[in-house]
N, C-alpha and C. Protein backbone atom coordinates (compact mmCIF):
# COMPACT_ATOMS: atom_id res chain seq x y z
N MET A 1 2.58 11.79 -28.22
CA MET A 1 2.14 10.63 -27.49
C MET A 1 2.09 10.91 -25.99
N GLU A 2 3.10 11.67 -25.49
CA GLU A 2 3.13 11.97 -24.07
C GLU A 2 1.91 12.78 -23.65
N SER A 3 1.49 13.75 -24.46
CA SER A 3 0.32 14.54 -24.10
C SER A 3 -0.94 13.70 -24.11
N LEU A 4 -1.00 12.68 -24.95
CA LEU A 4 -2.15 11.79 -24.98
C LEU A 4 -2.28 11.06 -23.65
N SER A 5 -1.17 10.56 -23.11
CA SER A 5 -1.26 9.85 -21.85
C SER A 5 -1.68 10.78 -20.72
N LYS A 6 -1.26 12.03 -20.74
CA LYS A 6 -1.69 12.99 -19.73
C LYS A 6 -3.19 13.23 -19.84
N VAL A 7 -3.70 13.30 -21.05
CA VAL A 7 -5.14 13.48 -21.27
C VAL A 7 -5.91 12.28 -20.75
N VAL A 8 -5.41 11.08 -21.05
CA VAL A 8 -6.08 9.85 -20.60
C VAL A 8 -6.10 9.79 -19.08
N ILE A 9 -4.98 10.10 -18.44
CA ILE A 9 -4.93 10.09 -16.98
C ILE A 9 -5.89 11.13 -16.40
N TYR A 10 -5.92 12.31 -16.97
CA TYR A 10 -6.83 13.36 -16.51
C TYR A 10 -8.28 12.89 -16.62
N GLN A 11 -8.64 12.26 -17.75
CA GLN A 11 -10.01 11.79 -17.92
C GLN A 11 -10.35 10.68 -16.93
N MET A 12 -9.38 9.81 -16.65
CA MET A 12 -9.61 8.75 -15.67
C MET A 12 -9.88 9.35 -14.29
N LEU A 13 -9.07 10.32 -13.91
CA LEU A 13 -9.25 10.95 -12.61
C LEU A 13 -10.57 11.71 -12.55
N LYS A 14 -10.92 12.37 -13.64
CA LYS A 14 -12.16 13.14 -13.69
C LYS A 14 -13.37 12.22 -13.53
N ARG A 15 -13.29 11.01 -14.09
CA ARG A 15 -14.38 10.05 -13.99
C ARG A 15 -14.36 9.27 -12.69
N GLY A 16 -13.37 9.52 -11.85
CA GLY A 16 -13.33 8.86 -10.56
C GLY A 16 -12.60 7.53 -10.57
N ILE A 17 -11.88 7.21 -11.63
CA ILE A 17 -11.11 5.97 -11.67
C ILE A 17 -9.83 6.21 -10.88
N LYS A 18 -9.66 5.47 -9.83
CA LYS A 18 -8.54 5.69 -8.92
C LYS A 18 -7.32 4.88 -9.33
N MET A 19 -6.19 5.31 -8.84
CA MET A 19 -4.94 4.63 -9.10
C MET A 19 -4.77 3.48 -8.10
N LYS A 20 -3.95 2.51 -8.48
CA LYS A 20 -3.66 1.37 -7.62
C LYS A 20 -2.52 1.72 -6.66
N PRO A 21 -2.29 0.84 -5.67
CA PRO A 21 -1.13 1.06 -4.79
C PRO A 21 0.16 1.12 -5.61
N ILE A 22 1.11 1.90 -5.13
CA ILE A 22 2.38 2.03 -5.83
C ILE A 22 3.31 0.88 -5.46
N GLU A 23 4.12 0.46 -6.40
CA GLU A 23 5.11 -0.58 -6.15
C GLU A 23 6.31 0.06 -5.47
N LEU A 24 6.65 -0.42 -4.29
CA LEU A 24 7.78 0.10 -3.54
C LEU A 24 8.93 -0.89 -3.62
N THR A 25 10.14 -0.37 -3.65
CA THR A 25 11.34 -1.20 -3.73
C THR A 25 12.29 -0.82 -2.60
N ASP A 26 13.36 -1.59 -2.49
CA ASP A 26 14.39 -1.25 -1.49
C ASP A 26 14.87 0.18 -1.68
N LYS A 27 14.94 0.64 -2.93
CA LYS A 27 15.46 1.98 -3.22
C LYS A 27 14.43 3.09 -3.01
N THR A 28 13.15 2.82 -3.25
CA THR A 28 12.13 3.87 -3.18
C THR A 28 11.38 3.93 -1.86
N PHE A 29 11.50 2.89 -1.06
CA PHE A 29 10.68 2.74 0.15
C PHE A 29 10.79 3.93 1.09
N ASP A 30 12.00 4.24 1.55
CA ASP A 30 12.18 5.31 2.54
C ASP A 30 11.67 6.66 2.05
N GLY A 31 11.90 6.95 0.79
CA GLY A 31 11.44 8.23 0.23
C GLY A 31 9.93 8.36 0.27
N GLU A 32 9.24 7.31 -0.09
CA GLU A 32 7.77 7.35 -0.10
C GLU A 32 7.22 7.44 1.31
N ILE A 33 7.83 6.72 2.24
CA ILE A 33 7.36 6.76 3.63
C ILE A 33 7.54 8.16 4.21
N LYS A 34 8.63 8.82 3.86
CA LYS A 34 8.92 10.16 4.40
C LYS A 34 8.10 11.26 3.74
N LYS A 35 7.76 11.11 2.45
CA LYS A 35 7.08 12.22 1.76
C LYS A 35 5.56 12.21 1.93
N ASN A 36 5.02 11.12 2.43
CA ASN A 36 3.56 11.04 2.63
C ASN A 36 3.26 10.91 4.12
N SER A 37 2.22 11.60 4.59
CA SER A 37 1.95 11.58 6.04
C SER A 37 1.42 10.23 6.50
N ILE A 38 0.58 9.57 5.72
CA ILE A 38 0.08 8.25 6.08
C ILE A 38 0.32 7.31 4.90
N VAL A 39 1.02 6.20 5.16
CA VAL A 39 1.32 5.22 4.12
C VAL A 39 0.99 3.83 4.66
N VAL A 40 0.26 3.07 3.87
CA VAL A 40 -0.08 1.69 4.20
C VAL A 40 0.66 0.81 3.21
N VAL A 41 1.49 -0.11 3.73
CA VAL A 41 2.33 -0.94 2.87
C VAL A 41 1.97 -2.41 3.05
N ASP A 42 1.66 -3.04 1.93
CA ASP A 42 1.35 -4.46 1.88
C ASP A 42 2.62 -5.22 1.46
N PHE A 43 3.18 -6.03 2.37
CA PHE A 43 4.32 -6.87 2.06
C PHE A 43 3.77 -8.21 1.58
N TRP A 44 4.13 -8.62 0.37
CA TRP A 44 3.52 -9.78 -0.27
C TRP A 44 4.53 -10.53 -1.14
N ALA A 45 4.07 -11.66 -1.69
CA ALA A 45 4.84 -12.43 -2.68
C ALA A 45 3.84 -13.09 -3.64
N SER A 46 4.26 -13.29 -4.86
CA SER A 46 3.35 -13.82 -5.89
C SER A 46 2.92 -15.26 -5.59
N TRP A 47 3.72 -16.04 -4.89
CA TRP A 47 3.42 -17.43 -4.60
C TRP A 47 2.54 -17.61 -3.37
N CYS A 48 2.25 -16.55 -2.67
CA CYS A 48 1.55 -16.58 -1.38
C CYS A 48 0.03 -16.51 -1.58
N ALA A 49 -0.67 -17.60 -1.27
CA ALA A 49 -2.14 -17.64 -1.44
C ALA A 49 -2.86 -16.61 -0.56
N PRO A 50 -2.52 -16.47 0.72
CA PRO A 50 -3.19 -15.43 1.53
C PRO A 50 -2.94 -14.02 0.98
N CYS A 51 -1.78 -13.81 0.36
CA CYS A 51 -1.47 -12.51 -0.24
C CYS A 51 -2.44 -12.23 -1.40
N ARG A 52 -2.74 -13.26 -2.17
CA ARG A 52 -3.68 -13.10 -3.29
C ARG A 52 -5.09 -12.81 -2.78
N PHE A 53 -5.41 -13.29 -1.60
CA PHE A 53 -6.70 -12.97 -0.98
C PHE A 53 -6.73 -11.51 -0.54
N LEU A 54 -5.64 -11.05 0.06
CA LEU A 54 -5.60 -9.70 0.62
C LEU A 54 -5.43 -8.61 -0.43
N SER A 55 -4.76 -8.92 -1.52
CA SER A 55 -4.43 -7.92 -2.53
C SER A 55 -5.64 -7.12 -3.03
N PRO A 56 -6.76 -7.76 -3.41
CA PRO A 56 -7.90 -6.96 -3.87
C PRO A 56 -8.50 -6.08 -2.76
N ILE A 57 -8.37 -6.51 -1.52
CA ILE A 57 -8.85 -5.70 -0.40
C ILE A 57 -8.01 -4.43 -0.28
N VAL A 58 -6.70 -4.58 -0.39
CA VAL A 58 -5.79 -3.43 -0.31
C VAL A 58 -6.08 -2.48 -1.48
N GLU A 59 -6.28 -3.04 -2.67
CA GLU A 59 -6.58 -2.20 -3.84
C GLU A 59 -7.90 -1.46 -3.66
N GLU A 60 -8.89 -2.12 -3.10
CA GLU A 60 -10.18 -1.46 -2.86
C GLU A 60 -10.04 -0.34 -1.83
N LEU A 61 -9.29 -0.59 -0.77
CA LEU A 61 -9.06 0.46 0.23
C LEU A 61 -8.28 1.63 -0.36
N ALA A 62 -7.35 1.33 -1.26
CA ALA A 62 -6.59 2.40 -1.93
C ALA A 62 -7.53 3.30 -2.71
N LYS A 63 -8.52 2.72 -3.33
CA LYS A 63 -9.52 3.52 -4.06
C LYS A 63 -10.39 4.30 -3.10
N ASP A 64 -10.83 3.64 -2.03
CA ASP A 64 -11.72 4.28 -1.05
C ASP A 64 -11.06 5.46 -0.34
N TYR A 65 -9.75 5.36 -0.10
CA TYR A 65 -9.03 6.38 0.66
C TYR A 65 -8.09 7.21 -0.22
N ASP A 66 -8.34 7.21 -1.52
CA ASP A 66 -7.52 7.98 -2.45
C ASP A 66 -7.51 9.45 -2.05
N GLY A 67 -6.32 10.01 -1.99
CA GLY A 67 -6.17 11.42 -1.60
C GLY A 67 -6.00 11.62 -0.11
N LYS A 68 -6.28 10.58 0.68
CA LYS A 68 -6.13 10.67 2.14
C LYS A 68 -4.98 9.81 2.64
N ILE A 69 -4.83 8.64 2.04
CA ILE A 69 -3.81 7.68 2.46
C ILE A 69 -3.10 7.17 1.22
N THR A 70 -1.79 7.05 1.29
CA THR A 70 -1.00 6.48 0.20
C THR A 70 -0.84 4.99 0.48
N PHE A 71 -1.07 4.18 -0.54
CA PHE A 71 -0.92 2.73 -0.42
C PHE A 71 0.23 2.25 -1.28
N GLY A 72 0.98 1.30 -0.75
CA GLY A 72 2.10 0.74 -1.50
C GLY A 72 2.18 -0.76 -1.29
N LYS A 73 2.93 -1.41 -2.18
CA LYS A 73 3.14 -2.85 -2.11
C LYS A 73 4.62 -3.14 -2.23
N VAL A 74 5.11 -4.08 -1.42
CA VAL A 74 6.51 -4.50 -1.47
C VAL A 74 6.53 -6.00 -1.74
N ASP A 75 7.12 -6.38 -2.85
CA ASP A 75 7.34 -7.79 -3.16
C ASP A 75 8.54 -8.24 -2.32
N VAL A 76 8.30 -9.10 -1.32
CA VAL A 76 9.36 -9.46 -0.38
C VAL A 76 10.49 -10.24 -1.05
N ASP A 77 10.19 -10.99 -2.11
CA ASP A 77 11.23 -11.74 -2.80
C ASP A 77 12.19 -10.81 -3.53
N ALA A 78 11.68 -9.76 -4.11
CA ALA A 78 12.50 -8.83 -4.89
C ALA A 78 13.12 -7.72 -4.04
N ASN A 79 12.61 -7.54 -2.83
CA ASN A 79 13.06 -6.43 -1.99
C ASN A 79 13.36 -6.93 -0.58
N GLN A 80 14.41 -7.70 -0.49
CA GLN A 80 14.75 -8.36 0.77
C GLN A 80 15.33 -7.41 1.81
N GLN A 81 15.93 -6.31 1.38
CA GLN A 81 16.52 -5.37 2.33
C GLN A 81 15.45 -4.71 3.20
N VAL A 82 14.44 -4.13 2.58
CA VAL A 82 13.40 -3.46 3.35
C VAL A 82 12.56 -4.48 4.12
N SER A 83 12.38 -5.67 3.57
CA SER A 83 11.64 -6.72 4.27
C SER A 83 12.37 -7.13 5.55
N ALA A 84 13.69 -7.24 5.47
CA ALA A 84 14.49 -7.59 6.65
C ALA A 84 14.49 -6.45 7.66
N GLU A 85 14.54 -5.22 7.16
CA GLU A 85 14.57 -4.05 8.05
C GLU A 85 13.33 -4.00 8.94
N TYR A 86 12.18 -4.44 8.40
CA TYR A 86 10.93 -4.42 9.17
C TYR A 86 10.56 -5.80 9.70
N ASN A 87 11.54 -6.73 9.70
CA ASN A 87 11.36 -8.07 10.27
C ASN A 87 10.12 -8.78 9.73
N ILE A 88 9.95 -8.74 8.43
CA ILE A 88 8.81 -9.43 7.81
C ILE A 88 9.13 -10.92 7.77
N THR A 89 8.46 -11.67 8.63
CA THR A 89 8.68 -13.11 8.68
C THR A 89 7.44 -13.89 8.24
N SER A 90 6.30 -13.22 8.18
CA SER A 90 5.06 -13.81 7.70
C SER A 90 4.43 -12.85 6.70
N ILE A 91 3.86 -13.43 5.66
CA ILE A 91 3.15 -12.59 4.69
C ILE A 91 1.76 -13.18 4.45
N PRO A 92 0.80 -12.33 4.15
CA PRO A 92 0.94 -10.89 4.00
C PRO A 92 1.08 -10.19 5.36
N THR A 93 1.85 -9.13 5.34
CA THR A 93 1.96 -8.22 6.47
C THR A 93 1.66 -6.83 5.95
N VAL A 94 0.80 -6.13 6.64
CA VAL A 94 0.48 -4.74 6.29
C VAL A 94 0.99 -3.86 7.42
N ILE A 95 1.87 -2.94 7.06
CA ILE A 95 2.39 -1.98 8.04
C ILE A 95 1.86 -0.60 7.69
N MET A 96 1.35 0.09 8.70
CA MET A 96 0.80 1.42 8.53
C MET A 96 1.75 2.43 9.17
N PHE A 97 2.16 3.39 8.36
CA PHE A 97 3.10 4.42 8.81
C PHE A 97 2.37 5.75 8.92
N LYS A 98 2.69 6.49 9.97
CA LYS A 98 2.18 7.85 10.12
C LYS A 98 3.36 8.74 10.44
N ASN A 99 3.54 9.76 9.62
CA ASN A 99 4.66 10.70 9.76
C ASN A 99 6.00 9.97 9.82
N GLY A 100 6.14 8.96 8.95
CA GLY A 100 7.41 8.25 8.81
C GLY A 100 7.69 7.16 9.83
N LYS A 101 6.77 6.94 10.77
CA LYS A 101 6.98 5.94 11.82
C LYS A 101 5.88 4.89 11.78
N VAL A 102 6.24 3.66 12.19
CA VAL A 102 5.26 2.59 12.25
C VAL A 102 4.18 2.96 13.26
N ALA A 103 2.92 2.96 12.81
CA ALA A 103 1.80 3.31 13.68
C ALA A 103 0.95 2.10 14.02
N ASP A 104 0.91 1.13 13.11
CA ASP A 104 0.10 -0.07 13.34
C ASP A 104 0.54 -1.15 12.36
N MET A 105 0.07 -2.37 12.60
CA MET A 105 0.48 -3.48 11.77
C MET A 105 -0.61 -4.55 11.79
N SER A 106 -0.69 -5.30 10.71
CA SER A 106 -1.62 -6.41 10.61
C SER A 106 -0.90 -7.55 9.90
N ILE A 107 -0.98 -8.76 10.46
CA ILE A 107 -0.33 -9.92 9.86
C ILE A 107 -1.39 -10.93 9.47
N GLY A 108 -1.29 -11.42 8.24
CA GLY A 108 -2.23 -12.42 7.74
C GLY A 108 -3.30 -11.82 6.86
N ALA A 109 -4.09 -12.70 6.29
CA ALA A 109 -5.19 -12.30 5.40
C ALA A 109 -6.39 -11.93 6.27
N VAL A 110 -6.50 -10.67 6.57
CA VAL A 110 -7.56 -10.18 7.45
C VAL A 110 -8.70 -9.57 6.63
N PRO A 111 -9.89 -9.50 7.21
CA PRO A 111 -11.02 -8.91 6.48
C PRO A 111 -10.86 -7.40 6.29
N LYS A 112 -11.54 -6.91 5.28
CA LYS A 112 -11.48 -5.48 4.96
C LYS A 112 -11.88 -4.62 6.16
N ALA A 113 -12.91 -5.03 6.89
CA ALA A 113 -13.40 -4.23 8.02
C ALA A 113 -12.31 -4.04 9.08
N MET A 114 -11.50 -5.06 9.29
CA MET A 114 -10.44 -4.96 10.29
C MET A 114 -9.37 -3.95 9.86
N LEU A 115 -8.96 -4.00 8.59
CA LEU A 115 -8.00 -3.02 8.10
C LEU A 115 -8.59 -1.62 8.10
N GLU A 116 -9.83 -1.52 7.69
CA GLU A 116 -10.46 -0.20 7.60
C GLU A 116 -10.58 0.45 8.99
N ALA A 117 -10.85 -0.33 10.02
CA ALA A 117 -10.92 0.22 11.38
C ALA A 117 -9.58 0.81 11.78
N LYS A 118 -8.49 0.14 11.41
CA LYS A 118 -7.14 0.65 11.71
C LYS A 118 -6.88 1.94 10.92
N LEU A 119 -7.33 1.99 9.66
CA LEU A 119 -7.12 3.17 8.83
C LEU A 119 -7.85 4.38 9.43
N LYS A 120 -9.06 4.16 9.89
CA LYS A 120 -9.84 5.26 10.47
C LYS A 120 -9.15 5.84 11.69
N LYS A 121 -8.52 4.98 12.49
CA LYS A 121 -7.77 5.46 13.66
C LYS A 121 -6.59 6.31 13.23
N LEU A 122 -5.93 5.92 12.14
CA LEU A 122 -4.79 6.69 11.63
C LEU A 122 -5.20 8.09 11.19
N LEU A 123 -6.39 8.21 10.66
CA LEU A 123 -6.86 9.50 10.15
C LEU A 123 -7.27 10.47 11.25
N ASN A 124 -7.51 9.96 12.45
CA ASN A 124 -7.92 10.83 13.56
C ASN A 124 -6.74 11.48 14.24
């Protein structure tokens, strides 16, 4: 069964089907930020209407920038430690990290073009 899932994943990647943002937790957050050069993190909650607006945009950008930028999501209700550490007081909040440090931030349900402009700056 395990080899079947590896085959399915390989076929998905071969056909260009991209992976979604990774779920980050209080325990996994620091490790992911440190191991990837550019990480974009969407701080959200299931009850938040603007978060539901932004979520498909983040997923689309994750597909567009697959292999260049790592995308993650933090459920603020379930991960209060990391949310407090980054002073998340409004959601959605998107924080962009470069080489383990905060490089940029966006608060609120912003259009894709606005986030993408910030991403392009990170890549330069």
